[in-house]
C-alpha atoms as a PDB file:
ATOM      1  CA  MET A   1      -6.773  16.593 -12.462  1.00  0.00           C
ATOM      2  CA  THR A   2      -5.808  13.540 -14.474  1.00  0.00           C
ATOM      3  CA  ALA A   3      -6.554   9.822 -14.418  1.00  0.00           C
ATOM      4  CA  LEU A   4      -3.734   7.360 -15.116  1.00  0.00           C
ATOM      5  CA  HIS A   5      -4.472   4.198 -17.121  1.00  0.00           C
ATOM      6  CA  LEU A   6      -2.169   1.212 -17.636  1.00  0.00           C
ATOM      7  CA  THR A   7      -3.528  -1.334 -20.110  1.00  0.00           C
ATOM      8  CA  GLY A   8      -1.988  -4.701 -20.974  1.00  0.00           C
ATOM      9  CA  ILE A   9       1.442  -3.711 -19.677  1.00  0.00           C
ATOM     10  CA  ALA A  10       4.125  -6.407 -19.890  1.00  0.00           C
ATOM     11  CA  LYS A  11       7.859  -6.191 -19.375  1.00  0.00           C
ATOM     12  CA  THR A  12      10.636  -8.777 -19.510  1.00  0.00           C
ATOM     13  CA  TYR A  13      14.195  -7.555 -19.043  1.00  0.00           C
ATOM     14  CA  PRO A  14      16.882  -8.917 -21.394  1.00  0.00           C
ATOM     15  CA  GLY A  15      18.646 -11.950 -19.987  1.00  0.00           C
ATOM     16  CA  THR A  16      15.801 -12.895 -17.645  1.00  0.00           C
ATOM     17  CA  ALA A  17      13.539 -15.889 -18.166  1.00  0.00           C
ATOM     18  CA  ARG A  18      10.512 -14.640 -16.246  1.00  0.00           C
ATOM     19  CA  PRO A  19       8.475 -11.533 -17.066  1.00  0.00           C
ATOM     20  CA  THR A  20       8.745  -8.769 -14.482  1.00  0.00           C
ATOM     21  CA  LEU A  21       5.216  -7.615 -15.309  1.00  0.00           C
ATOM     22  CA  GLN A  22       2.483  -9.620 -17.018  1.00  0.00           C
ATOM     23  CA  GLY A  23      -0.698  -8.105 -18.414  1.00  0.00           C
ATOM     24  CA  LEU A  24      -0.985  -5.269 -15.923  1.00  0.00           C
ATOM     25  CA  ASP A  25      -4.270  -3.372 -16.127  1.00  0.00           C
ATOM     26  CA  LEU A  26      -4.571  -0.578 -13.591  1.00  0.00           C
ATOM     27  CA  THR A  27      -6.403   2.733 -13.302  1.00  0.00           C
ATOM     28  CA  VAL A  28      -5.470   5.438 -10.811  1.00  0.00           C
ATOM     29  CA  ASP A  29      -8.454   7.728 -10.492  1.00  0.00           C
ATOM     30  CA  SER A  30      -8.038  11.446 -10.980  1.00  0.00           C
ATOM     31  CA  GLY A  31      -6.895  13.209  -7.829  1.00  0.00           C
ATOM     32  CA  LYS A  32      -6.432   9.995  -5.862  1.00  0.00           C
ATOM     33  CA  LEU A  33      -3.420   8.293  -4.280  1.00  0.00           C
ATOM     34  CA  THR A  34      -2.753   4.652  -5.120  1.00  0.00           C
ATOM     35  CA  ALA A  35      -0.049   2.559  -3.468  1.00  0.00           C
ATOM     36  CA  LEU A  36       1.775  -0.039  -5.554  1.00  0.00           C
ATOM     37  CA  LEU A  37       2.464  -2.625  -2.873  1.00  0.00           C
ATOM     38  CA  GLY A  38       4.293  -5.909  -3.057  1.00  0.00           C
ATOM     39  CA  PRO A  39       7.332  -7.885  -1.942  1.00  0.00           C
ATOM     40  CA  SER A  40      10.756  -7.485  -3.511  1.00  0.00           C
ATOM     41  CA  GLY A  41      10.706  -8.649  -7.116  1.00  0.00           C
ATOM     42  CA  SER A  42       6.957  -8.244  -7.572  1.00  0.00           C
ATOM     43  CA  GLY A  43       7.331  -5.655 -10.355  1.00  0.00           C
ATOM     44  CA  LYS A  44       6.241  -2.520  -8.533  1.00  0.00           C
ATOM     45  CA  THR A  45       9.400  -0.480  -9.214  1.00  0.00           C
ATOM     46  CA  THR A  46       9.332  -1.518 -12.869  1.00  0.00           C
ATOM     47  CA  ALA A  47       5.721  -0.323 -13.094  1.00  0.00           C
ATOM     48  CA  MET A  48       6.818   3.033 -11.664  1.00  0.00           C
ATOM     49  CA  LYS A  49       9.675   3.338 -14.185  1.00  0.00           C
ATOM     50  CA  LEU A  50       7.317   2.515 -17.039  1.00  0.00           C
ATOM     51  CA  ILE A  51       4.922   5.274 -15.983  1.00  0.00           C
ATOM     52  CA  ALA A  52       7.831   7.725 -15.723  1.00  0.00           C
ATOM     53  CA  GLY A  53       9.167   6.723 -19.143  1.00  0.00           C
ATOM     54  CA  LEU A  54      12.498   5.487 -17.809  1.00  0.00           C
ATOM     55  CA  VAL A  55      12.016   2.075 -19.445  1.00  0.00           C
ATOM     56  CA  PRO A  56       9.665   1.094 -22.306  1.00  0.00           C
ATOM     57  CA  PRO A  57       7.008  -1.619 -22.003  1.00  0.00           C
ATOM     58  CA  ASP A  58       7.163  -4.670 -24.247  1.00  0.00           C
ATOM     59  CA  THR A  59       3.423  -4.456 -24.783  1.00  0.00           C
ATOM     60  CA  GLY A  60       0.579  -2.294 -23.565  1.00  0.00           C
ATOM     61  CA  HIS A  61      -0.289   1.370 -23.295  1.00  0.00           C
ATOM     62  CA  ILE A  62      -0.013   4.130 -20.689  1.00  0.00           C
ATOM     63  CA  ARG A  63      -2.501   7.004 -20.869  1.00  0.00           C
ATOM     64  CA  LEU A  64      -3.171  10.194 -18.970  1.00  0.00           C
ATOM     65  CA  ASP A  65      -6.904  10.591 -19.460  1.00  0.00           C
ATOM     66  CA  ASP A  66      -7.193  10.010 -23.243  1.00  0.00           C
ATOM     67  CA  ARG A  67      -3.599  11.012 -24.070  1.00  0.00           C
ATOM     68  CA  ASP A  68      -1.325   8.077 -24.889  1.00  0.00           C
ATOM     69  CA  ILE A  69       2.116   8.751 -23.413  1.00  0.00           C
ATOM     70  CA  THR A  70       3.600   5.279 -23.976  1.00  0.00           C
ATOM     71  CA  ALA A  71       6.151   6.457 -26.534  1.00  0.00           C
ATOM     72  CA  LEU A  72       6.825   9.921 -25.099  1.00  0.00           C
ATOM     73  CA  PRO A  73      10.177  10.756 -23.456  1.00  0.00           C
ATOM     74  CA  PRO A  74      10.091  11.479 -19.708  1.00  0.00           C
ATOM     75  CA  ASP A  75      10.312  15.264 -20.099  1.00  0.00           C
ATOM     76  CA  ARG A  76       7.136  15.388 -22.211  1.00  0.00           C
ATOM     77  CA  ARG A  77       4.904  13.241 -20.005  1.00  0.00           C
ATOM     78  CA  GLU A  78       3.985  15.749 -17.285  1.00  0.00           C
ATOM     79  CA  VAL A  79       4.918  13.022 -14.810  1.00  0.00           C
ATOM     80  CA  VAL A  80       7.415  13.733 -12.028  1.00  0.00           C
ATOM     81  CA  MET A  81       9.172  11.098  -9.935  1.00  0.00           C
ATOM     82  CA  VAL A  82      10.695  11.394  -6.456  1.00  0.00           C
ATOM     83  CA  PHE A  83      13.243   8.659  -5.738  1.00  0.00           C
ATOM     84  CA  GLN A  84      14.229   6.911  -2.506  1.00  0.00           C
ATOM     85  CA  ASN A  85      17.277   9.147  -2.275  1.00  0.00           C
ATOM     86  CA  PRO A  86      16.544  12.883  -2.604  1.00  0.00           C
ATOM     87  CA  HIS A  87      19.239  13.447  -5.302  1.00  0.00           C
ATOM     88  CA  LEU A  88      19.486  17.151  -4.503  1.00  0.00           C
ATOM     89  CA  PHE A  89      22.217  19.111  -6.263  1.00  0.00           C
ATOM     90  CA  PRO A  90      24.862  19.572  -3.536  1.00  0.00           C
ATOM     91  CA  HIS A  91      26.256  22.831  -4.974  1.00  0.00           C
ATOM     92  CA  LEU A  92      22.852  24.545  -4.999  1.00  0.00           C
ATOM     93  CA  THR A  93      20.905  25.909  -2.064  1.00  0.00           C
ATOM     94  CA  VAL A  94      17.663  24.281  -1.014  1.00  0.00           C
ATOM     95  CA  ALA A  95      15.688  27.065  -2.664  1.00  0.00           C
ATOM     96  CA  GLU A  96      17.709  26.730  -5.874  1.00  0.00           C
ATOM     97  CA  ASN A  97      17.077  22.989  -5.875  1.00  0.00           C
ATOM     98  CA  VAL A  98      13.343  23.466  -5.451  1.00  0.00           C
ATOM     99  CA  GLY A  99      13.194  26.085  -8.199  1.00  0.00           C
ATOM    100  CA  PHE A 100      15.481  24.218 -10.601  1.00  0.00           C
ATOM    101  CA  GLY A 101      12.709  22.834 -12.808  1.00  0.00           C
ATOM    102  CA  LEU A 102      11.001  26.202 -13.010  1.00  0.00           C
ATOM    103  CA  ARG A 103      14.260  27.795 -14.213  1.00  0.00           C
ATOM    104  CA  MET A 104      14.562  25.077 -16.868  1.00  0.00           C
ATOM    105  CA  ARG A 105      11.102  26.133 -18.056  1.00  0.00           C
ATOM    106  CA  GLY A 106      12.311  29.707 -18.405  1.00  0.00           C
ATOM    107  CA  LEU A 107       9.872  31.268 -15.946  1.00  0.00           C
ATOM    108  CA  PRO A 108      10.525  34.805 -14.640  1.00  0.00           C
ATOM    109  CA  ALA A 109      12.738  35.086 -11.573  1.00  0.00           C
ATOM    110  CA  ALA A 110       9.983  36.701  -9.491  1.00  0.00           C
ATOM    111  CA  ARG A 111       7.597  33.845 -10.278  1.00  0.00           C
ATOM    112  CA  ILE A 112      10.251  31.260  -9.424  1.00  0.00           C
ATOM    113  CA  ALA A 113      11.009  32.949  -6.101  1.00  0.00           C
ATOM    114  CA  ALA A 114       7.339  33.193  -5.148  1.00  0.00           C
ATOM    115  CA  ASP A 115       6.494  29.595  -6.107  1.00  0.00           C
ATOM    116  CA  THR A 116       9.615  28.273  -4.389  1.00  0.00           C
ATOM    117  CA  ALA A 117       8.891  30.147  -1.147  1.00  0.00           C
ATOM    118  CA  ALA A 118       5.287  28.929  -1.140  1.00  0.00           C
ATOM    119  CA  MET A 119       6.350  25.324  -1.669  1.00  0.00           C
ATOM    120  CA  LEU A 120       9.023  25.488   1.043  1.00  0.00           C
ATOM    121  CA  ASP A 121       6.298  26.682   3.396  1.00  0.00           C
ATOM    122  CA  ALA A 122       4.023  23.826   2.272  1.00  0.00           C
ATOM    123  CA  VAL A 123       6.646  21.167   3.100  1.00  0.00           C
ATOM    124  CA  GLN A 124       7.552  22.842   6.391  1.00  0.00           C
ATOM    125  CA  LEU A 125      10.995  24.046   5.330  1.00  0.00           C
ATOM    126  CA  THR A 126      10.314  27.736   5.920  1.00  0.00           C
ATOM    127  CA  GLY A 127      13.573  29.620   6.559  1.00  0.00           C
ATOM    128  CA  LEU A 128      15.818  26.819   5.262  1.00  0.00           C
ATOM    129  CA  GLY A 129      15.987  27.912   1.630  1.00  0.00           C
ATOM    130  CA  ALA A 130      19.507  29.329   1.928  1.00  0.00           C
ATOM    131  CA  ARG A 131      21.006  26.099   3.305  1.00  0.00           C
ATOM    132  CA  LYS A 132      22.901  23.580   1.209  1.00  0.00           C
ATOM    133  CA  PRO A 133      21.596  19.981   1.035  1.00  0.00           C
ATOM    134  CA  GLY A 134      24.473  18.796   3.211  1.00  0.00           C
ATOM    135  CA  GLN A 135      23.101  20.899   6.059  1.00  0.00           C
ATOM    136  CA  LEU A 136      19.722  19.147   6.035  1.00  0.00           C
ATOM    137  CA  SER A 137      18.576  16.106   7.980  1.00  0.00           C
ATOM    138  CA  GLY A 138      17.342  13.081   6.041  1.00  0.00           C
ATOM    139  CA  GLY A 139      13.735  14.058   6.582  1.00  0.00           C
ATOM    140  CA  GLN A 140      14.363  17.649   5.509  1.00  0.00           C
ATOM    141  CA  ALA A 141      16.145  16.510   2.349  1.00  0.00           C
ATOM    142  CA  GLN A 142      13.209  14.279   1.445  1.00  0.00           C
ATOM    143  CA  ARG A 143      10.836  17.207   1.976  1.00  0.00           C
ATOM    144  CA  ALA A 144      12.978  19.351  -0.313  1.00  0.00           C
ATOM    145  CA  ALA A 145      12.860  16.671  -3.018  1.00  0.00           C
ATOM    146  CA  LEU A 146       9.086  16.496  -2.646  1.00  0.00           C
ATOM    147  CA  ALA A 147       8.860  20.293  -2.949  1.00  0.00           C
ATOM    148  CA  ARG A 148      11.004  20.233  -6.104  1.00  0.00           C
ATOM    149  CA  ALA A 149       8.529  17.803  -7.675  1.00  0.00           C
ATOM    150  CA  LEU A 150       5.327  19.499  -6.532  1.00  0.00           C
ATOM    151  CA  VAL A 151       6.367  23.000  -7.566  1.00  0.00           C
ATOM    152  CA  LEU A 152       6.187  21.798 -11.189  1.00  0.00           C
ATOM    153  CA  ARG A 153       2.480  21.001 -10.733  1.00  0.00           C
ATOM    154  CA  PRO A 154       2.706  17.678 -12.602  1.00  0.00           C
ATOM    155  CA  GLN A 155      -0.332  15.767 -13.772  1.00  0.00           C
ATOM    156  CA  VAL A 156       0.999  12.648 -12.032  1.00  0.00           C
ATOM    157  CA  LEU A 157       3.385  12.394  -9.065  1.00  0.00           C
ATOM    158  CA  LEU A 158       5.378   9.194  -8.512  1.00  0.00           C
ATOM    159  CA  LEU A 159       6.952   8.463  -5.138  1.00  0.00           C
ATOM    160  CA  ASP A 160       9.417   5.551  -5.001  1.00  0.00           C
ATOM    161  CA  GLU A 161       9.730   4.209  -1.439  1.00  0.00           C
ATOM    162  CA  PRO A 162       9.673   7.791  -0.079  1.00  0.00           C
ATOM    163  CA  LEU A 163      10.070   6.799   3.584  1.00  0.00           C
ATOM    164  CA  SER A 164      12.481   3.877   3.349  1.00  0.00           C
ATOM    165  CA  ASN A 165      15.571   5.925   4.259  1.00  0.00           C
ATOM    166  CA  LEU A 166      13.991   7.734   7.189  1.00  0.00           C
ATOM    167  CA  ASP A 167      14.188   6.830  10.859  1.00  0.00           C
ATOM    168  CA  ALA A 168      11.034   5.315  12.303  1.00  0.00           C
ATOM    169  CA  SER A 169      10.438   8.453  14.372  1.00  0.00           C
ATOM    170  CA  LEU A 170      10.224  10.580  11.202  1.00  0.00           C
ATOM    171  CA  ARG A 171       7.999   8.291   9.141  1.00  0.00           C
ATOM    172  CA  ASP A 172       4.685   9.191  10.758  1.00  0.00           C
ATOM    173  CA  ASP A 173       5.270  12.901  10.212  1.00  0.00           C
ATOM    174  CA  MET A 174       6.311  12.366   6.593  1.00  0.00           C
ATOM    175  CA  ARG A 175       3.292  10.122   5.913  1.00  0.00           C
ATOM    176  CA  ALA A 176       0.984  12.804   7.261  1.00  0.00           C
ATOM    177  CA  LEU A 177       2.714  15.487   5.166  1.00  0.00           C
ATOM    178  CA  ILE A 178       2.461  13.468   1.943  1.00  0.00           C
ATOM    179  CA  ARG A 179      -1.189  12.686   2.585  1.00  0.00           C
ATOM    180  CA  ASP A 180      -2.053  16.317   3.409  1.00  0.00           C
ATOM    181  CA  LEU A 181      -0.196  17.716   0.380  1.00  0.00           C
ATOM    182  CA  GLN A 182      -1.816  15.201  -1.955  1.00  0.00           C
ATOM    183  CA  ARG A 183      -5.268  16.152  -0.728  1.00  0.00           C
ATOM    184  CA  GLN A 184      -4.521  19.850  -0.960  1.00  0.00           C
ATOM    185  CA  THR A 185      -3.046  19.732  -4.466  1.00  0.00           C
ATOM    186  CA  GLY A 186      -5.311  17.027  -5.886  1.00  0.00           C
ATOM    187  CA  ILE A 187      -2.405  15.638  -7.921  1.00  0.00           C
ATOM    188  CA  THR A 188      -2.921  12.039  -9.039  1.00  0.00           C
ATOM    189  CA  THR A 189      -0.242  10.164  -7.092  1.00  0.00           C
ATOM    190  CA  VAL A 190       1.318   6.699  -7.121  1.00  0.00           C
ATOM    191  CA  VAL A 191       3.478   5.516  -4.210  1.00  0.00           C
ATOM    192  CA  VAL A 192       5.674   2.426  -4.488  1.00  0.00           C
ATOM    193  CA  THR A 193       6.202   0.650  -1.175  1.00  0.00           C
ATOM    194  CA  HIS A 194       6.768  -2.755   0.366  1.00  0.00           C
ATOM    195  CA  ASP A 195       5.448  -1.515   3.722  1.00  0.00           C
ATOM    196  CA  GLN A 196       1.822  -2.486   4.414  1.00  0.00           C
ATOM    197  CA  THR A 197       1.396   0.150   7.121  1.00  0.00           C
ATOM    198  CA  GLU A 198       2.664   2.867   4.821  1.00  0.00           C
ATOM    199  CA  ALA A 199       0.288   1.788   2.054  1.00  0.00           C
ATOM    200  CA  VAL A 200      -2.739   1.593   4.346  1.00  0.00           C
ATOM    201  CA  VAL A 201      -2.096   4.994   5.931  1.00  0.00           C
ATOM    202  CA  LEU A 202      -1.362   6.828   2.681  1.00  0.00           C
ATOM    203  CA  ALA A 203      -3.509   5.332  -0.015  1.00  0.00           C
ATOM    204  CA  ASP A 204      -7.075   5.663  -1.229  1.00  0.00           C
ATOM    205  CA  ARG A 205      -6.525   2.347  -2.996  1.00  0.00           C
ATOM    206  CA  ILE A 206      -3.836  -0.324  -2.912  1.00  0.00           C
ATOM    207  CA  ALA A 207      -2.717  -2.224  -5.995  1.00  0.00           C
ATOM    208  CA  LEU A 208      -1.066  -5.409  -4.734  1.00  0.00           C
ATOM    209  CA  LEU A 209       1.463  -6.950  -7.127  1.00  0.00           C
ATOM    210  CA  LEU A 210       2.523 -10.561  -6.669  1.00  0.00           C
ATOM    211  CA  ASP A 211       4.893 -12.268  -9.119  1.00  0.00           C
ATOM    212  CA  GLY A 212       4.438  -9.574 -11.717  1.00  0.00           C
ATOM    213  CA  ARG A 213       0.652  -9.721 -11.749  1.00  0.00           C
ATOM    214  CA  LEU A 214      -2.022  -7.538 -10.203  1.00  0.00           C
ATOM    215  CA  ALA A 215      -3.386  -9.693  -7.391  1.00  0.00           C
ATOM    216  CA  GLN A 216      -6.010  -7.182  -6.232  1.00  0.00           C
ATOM    217  CA  ASP A 217      -6.774  -3.480  -6.582  1.00  0.00           C
ATOM    218  CA  ALA A 218      -9.052  -2.272  -3.812  1.00  0.00           C
ATOM    219  CA  ALA A 219      -9.555   0.058  -0.873  1.00  0.00           C
ATOM    220  CA  PRO A 220      -7.223  -0.815   2.034  1.00  0.00           C
ATOM    221  CA  GLN A 221      -9.986  -2.208   4.254  1.00  0.00           C
ATOM    222  CA  ASP A 222     -11.190  -4.543   1.473  1.00  0.00           C
ATOM    223  CA  LEU A 223      -7.751  -6.095   1.082  1.00  0.00           C
ATOM    224  CA  PHE A 224      -7.822  -6.980   4.769  1.00  0.00           C
ATOM    225  CA  GLN A 225     -11.462  -7.990   5.088  1.00  0.00           C
ATOM    226  CA  ARG A 226     -12.349  -9.236   1.581  1.00  0.00           C
ATOM    227  CA  PRO A 227      -9.171 -10.604  -0.032  1.00  0.00           C
ATOM    228  CA  ALA A 228      -9.526 -11.887  -3.585  1.00  0.00           C
ATOM    229  CA  THR A 229      -7.341 -14.946  -3.007  1.00  0.00           C
ATOM    230  CA  GLU A 230      -5.578 -16.834  -0.253  1.00  0.00           C
ATOM    231  CA  ALA A 231      -2.276 -15.321  -1.426  1.00  0.00           C
ATOM    232  CA  VAL A 232      -3.676 -11.821  -0.857  1.00  0.00           C
ATOM    233  CA  ALA A 233      -5.041 -12.808   2.553  1.00  0.00           C
ATOM    234  CA  ARG A 234      -1.680 -14.260   3.593  1.00  0.00           C
ATOM    235  CA  PHE A 235       0.216 -11.176   2.400  1.00  0.00           C
ATOM    236  CA  PHE A 236      -1.898  -9.055   4.743  1.00  0.00           C
ATOM    237  CA  GLY A 237      -1.401 -11.355   7.727  1.00  0.00           C
ATOM    238  CA  GLY A 238      -4.143 -13.902   7.218  1.00  0.00           C
ATOM    239  CA  VAL A 239      -3.362 -17.189   8.970  1.00  0.00           C
ATOM    240  CA  ASN A 240      -6.753 -18.806   9.644  1.00  0.00           C
ATOM    241  CA  PHE A 241      -8.082 -20.888   6.750  1.00  0.00           C
ATOM    242  CA  LEU A 242     -10.770 -23.559   6.998  1.00  0.00           C
ATOM    243  CA  GLU A 243     -11.852 -26.074   4.362  1.00  0.00           C
ATOM    244  CA  GLY A 244     -15.532 -26.931   4.199  1.00  0.00           C
ATOM    245  CA  ARG A 245     -18.781 -26.376   2.416  1.00  0.00           C
ATOM    246  CA  VAL A 246     -21.282 -23.523   2.173  1.00  0.00           C
ATOM    247  CA  GLU A 247     -24.949 -24.434   2.327  1.00  0.00           C
ATOM    248  CA  GLY A 248     -27.371 -21.543   2.496  1.00  0.00           C
ATOM    249  CA  THR A 249     -26.029 -19.089   5.063  1.00  0.00           C
ATOM    250  CA  ARG A 250     -23.862 -21.625   6.896  1.00  0.00           C
ATOM    251  CA  PHE A 251     -20.362 -22.946   6.521  1.00  0.00           C
ATOM    252  CA  ASP A 252     -19.821 -26.566   7.566  1.00  0.00           C
ATOM    253  CA  GLY A 253     -16.211 -27.328   8.378  1.00  0.00           C
ATOM    254  CA  PRO A 254     -13.833 -28.603  11.052  1.00  0.00           C
ATOM    255  CA  LEU A 255     -15.265 -26.244  13.709  1.00  0.00           C
ATOM    256  CA  GLY A 256     -18.833 -27.377  13.075  1.00  0.00           C
ATOM    257  CA  PRO A 257     -21.539 -25.218  11.489  1.00  0.00           C
ATOM    258  CA  LEU A 258     -20.764 -21.496  11.405  1.00  0.00           C
ATOM    259  CA  ASP A 259     -23.300 -18.792  10.565  1.00  0.00           C
ATOM    260  CA  LEU A 260     -22.265 -16.492   7.731  1.00  0.00           C
ATOM    261  CA  PHE A 261     -23.172 -12.910   6.927  1.00  0.00           C
ATOM    262  CA  GLY A 262     -25.026 -12.739   3.610  1.00  0.00           C
ATOM    263  CA  THR A 263     -25.296 -15.590   1.132  1.00  0.00           C
ATOM    264  CA  PRO A 264     -21.953 -16.547  -0.451  1.00  0.00           C
ATOM    265  CA  PRO A 265     -21.579 -18.977  -3.370  1.00  0.00           C
ATOM    266  CA  GLN A 266     -22.701 -22.463  -2.479  1.00  0.00           C
ATOM    267  CA  GLY A 267     -20.646 -25.642  -2.414  1.00  0.00           C
ATOM    268  CA  PRO A 268     -17.048 -26.506  -1.466  1.00  0.00           C
ATOM    269  CA  ALA A 269     -15.348 -23.491   0.052  1.00  0.00           C
ATOM    270  CA  ARG A 270     -12.351 -22.091   1.877  1.00  0.00           C
ATOM    271  CA  LEU A 271     -13.173 -19.774   4.753  1.00  0.00           C
ATOM    272  CA  THR A 272     -10.899 -17.228   6.395  1.00  0.00           C
ATOM    273  CA  ILE A 273     -11.120 -14.957   9.427  1.00  0.00           C
ATOM    274  CA  ARG A 274      -8.522 -12.415  10.426  1.00  0.00           C
ATOM    275  CA  PRO A 275      -6.772 -13.118  13.740  1.00  0.00           C
ATOM    276  CA  GLU A 276      -7.785  -9.760  15.224  1.00  0.00           C
ATOM    277  CA  ALA A 277     -11.450 -10.562  14.500  1.00  0.00           C
ATOM    278  CA  LEU A 278     -11.591 -13.520  16.903  1.00  0.00           C
ATOM    279  CA  ARG A 279     -13.232 -12.755  20.258  1.00  0.00           C
ATOM    280  CA  LEU A 280     -12.989 -14.428  23.641  1.00  0.00           C
ATOM    281  CA  GLY A 281     -16.143 -15.449  25.466  1.00  0.00           C
ATOM    282  CA  PRO A 282     -19.640 -16.496  24.426  1.00  0.00           C
ATOM    283  CA  GLY A 283     -21.107 -15.080  21.257  1.00  0.00           C
ATOM    284  CA  PRO A 284     -22.037 -16.043  17.713  1.00  0.00           C
ATOM    285  CA  ASN A 285     -20.247 -19.106  16.358  1.00  0.00           C
ATOM    286  CA  ALA A 286     -18.750 -19.863  19.792  1.00  0.00           C
ATOM    287  CA  VAL A 287     -16.384 -22.859  20.083  1.00  0.00           C
ATOM    288  CA  ALA A 288     -14.308 -24.312  22.909  1.00  0.00           C
ATOM    289  CA  ALA A 289     -10.545 -24.026  22.451  1.00  0.00           C
ATOM    290  CA  THR A 290      -7.313 -24.911  24.199  1.00  0.00           C
ATOM    291  CA  VAL A 291      -4.587 -22.282  24.580  1.00  0.00           C
ATOM    292  CA  ARG A 292      -1.325 -23.503  23.065  1.00  0.00           C
ATOM    293  CA  GLU A 293       0.870 -20.409  23.365  1.00  0.00           C
ATOM    294  CA  VAL A 294       0.641 -16.705  24.224  1.00  0.00           C
ATOM    295  CA  GLY A 295       3.142 -14.254  22.743  1.00  0.00           C
ATOM    296  CA  PHE A 296       3.407 -10.573  23.704  1.00  0.00           C
ATOM    297  CA  LEU A 297       3.795  -8.256  20.688  1.00  0.00           C
ATOM    298  CA  GLY A 298       3.539  -4.890  22.418  1.00  0.00           C
ATOM    299  CA  SER A 299       0.129  -3.483  21.546  1.00  0.00           C
ATOM    300  CA  GLN A 300      -1.262  -6.996  20.949  1.00  0.00           C
ATOM    301  CA  CYS A 301      -0.839 -10.576  22.060  1.00  0.00           C
ATOM    302  CA  ARG A 302      -0.660 -13.445  19.593  1.00  0.00           C
ATOM    303  CA  VAL A 303      -2.620 -16.364  21.009  1.00  0.00           C
ATOM    304  CA  GLN A 304      -2.334 -19.783  19.387  1.00  0.00           C
ATOM    305  CA  LEU A 305      -5.432 -21.892  19.941  1.00  0.00           C
ATOM    306  CA  LEU A 306      -6.489 -25.433  19.178  1.00  0.00           C
ATOM    307  CA  VAL A 307     -10.137 -26.283  18.485  1.00  0.00           C
ATOM    308  CA  GLY A 308     -10.135 -30.062  18.392  1.00  0.00           C
ATOM    309  CA  ALA A 309      -7.379 -30.719  15.889  1.00  0.00           C
ATOM    310  CA  THR A 310      -7.786 -27.348  14.127  1.00  0.00           C
ATOM    311  CA  PRO A 311      -5.335 -24.523  14.914  1.00  0.00           C
ATOM    312  CA  LEU A 312      -6.497 -20.913  15.103  1.00  0.00           C
ATOM    313  CA  VAL A 313      -4.528 -17.732  15.780  1.00  0.00           C
ATOM    314  CA  ALA A 314      -6.037 -14.746  17.582  1.00  0.00           C
ATOM    315  CA  LEU A 315      -4.595 -11.258  18.066  1.00  0.00           C
ATOM    316  CA  LEU A 316      -5.963  -9.843  21.310  1.00  0.00           C
ATOM    317  CA  PRO A 317      -5.413  -6.728  23.424  1.00  0.00           C
ATOM    318  CA  PRO A 318      -2.878  -7.499  26.173  1.00  0.00           C
ATOM    319  CA  GLY A 319      -5.552  -6.988  28.840  1.00  0.00           C
ATOM    320  CA  ASP A 320      -7.797  -9.629  27.281  1.00  0.00           C
ATOM    321  CA  ALA A 321      -4.936 -12.105  27.078  1.00  0.00           C
ATOM    322  CA  ALA A 322      -3.416 -11.428  30.503  1.00  0.00           C
ATOM    323  CA  ALA A 323      -5.054 -14.399  32.229  1.00  0.00           C
ATOM    324  CA  LEU A 324      -4.446 -16.913  29.445  1.00  0.00           C
ATOM    325  CA  GLN A 325      -2.001 -19.717  30.068  1.00  0.00           C
ATOM    326  CA  PRO A 326      -0.847 -22.593  27.838  1.00  0.00           C
ATOM    327  CA  GLY A 327      -3.109 -25.586  28.394  1.00  0.00           C
ATOM    328  CA  GLY A 328      -6.012 -23.449  29.595  1.00  0.00           C
ATOM    329  CA  ARG A 329      -9.515 -23.764  28.158  1.00  0.00           C
ATOM    330  CA  VAL A 330     -11.356 -20.785  26.665  1.00  0.00           C
ATOM    331  CA  THR A 331     -14.419 -20.025  24.624  1.00  0.00           C
ATOM    332  CA  VAL A 332     -13.775 -18.145  21.406  1.00  0.00           C
ATOM    333  CA  ASN A 333     -16.343 -16.809  18.969  1.00  0.00           C
ATOM    334  CA  LEU A 334     -16.083 -16.064  15.264  1.00  0.00           C
ATOM    335  CA  PRO A 335     -18.407 -13.136  14.397  1.00  0.00           C
ATOM    336  CA  PRO A 336     -20.365 -13.852  11.180  1.00  0.00           C
ATOM    337  CA  HIS A 337     -19.528 -10.447   9.671  1.00  0.00           C
ATOM    338  CA  ALA A 338     -15.805 -11.255   9.981  1.00  0.00           C
ATOM    339  CA  LEU A 339     -16.020 -14.581   8.134  1.00  0.00           C
ATOM    340  CA  TRP A 340     -15.075 -14.424   4.470  1.00  0.00           C
ATOM    341  CA  VAL A 341     -15.453 -17.126   1.844  1.00  0.00           C
ATOM    342  CA  LEU A 342     -12.574 -16.657  -0.569  1.00  0.00           C
ATOM    343  CA  PRO A 343     -13.836 -15.838  -4.070  1.00  0.00           C
ATOM    344  CA  GLY A 344     -13.218 -18.451  -6.729  1.00  0.00           C
ATOM    345  CA  GLN A 345     -12.521 -21.056  -4.064  1.00  0.00           C
ATOM    346  CA  ALA A 346     -16.103 -21.943  -3.268  1.00  0.00           C
END
């Protein structure tokens, strides 16, 4: 297994004023899956192309373990990329597509046939090897493209928006397949996506890119619960931000004194709590609130509250929100373990 290291990577395309990537430092641990997440234009696809060798960086280095591959052509990197579109050869059968790279390596026909059959089984395409790509569904074609990459046993696998062209009903199955295959093979994997759910479900770690910079690289739960900045918190659905001051283990702000978990940096601070962390009823850090609006979202209800002049948003199970009406009074509590003082803003 192989670790991937990007150090000081920068890229500005000709004719553009702003860099696409600026000083990107990122390590993908050996045998792990990292999601490159970010909005359109954040630089995530460029980062993927740089790793694959499809475009050169302006500055910086790319290494697999201690081997510098920055200047190597794509075919010498031992990095394989699967694109949004499967790009299967239409004149070849599925099995011939999957075994294409092995034939280019000059392996014996018996070895190619055995490896191809095993990989078709692994991606749940058993019995479909004789079909042409035009006879496959979108999900099957994406599985065939994944098999064509994995059969080469690359040191690093790159997946560029692998689920974006699939119907919603197929995405869960494909996510589970990618995750299972990655764990079974142990191949160091990078997935580019703009979909938060996809990143959280698939990845061991998420590298969030904003405006060409690495905003935070962390485990999925840390990005939600311990964001590095307000921009990170907002990207992951944070909407509750309070200005105040930390003294000891308390935060003094517009809701009054709130008990904190642990001892954060002292002084002026910005506090955040995720909307799903708010609780109705008495409890720690309880405050009285007025219901402004209740919106049904399916599995949750979005409840807009007003505590004095301070707005709060809660995401509650529909059963908990069923009796709430605009103008009604409720008690809401803010559990200390769910309160987070944003780093560098205290």
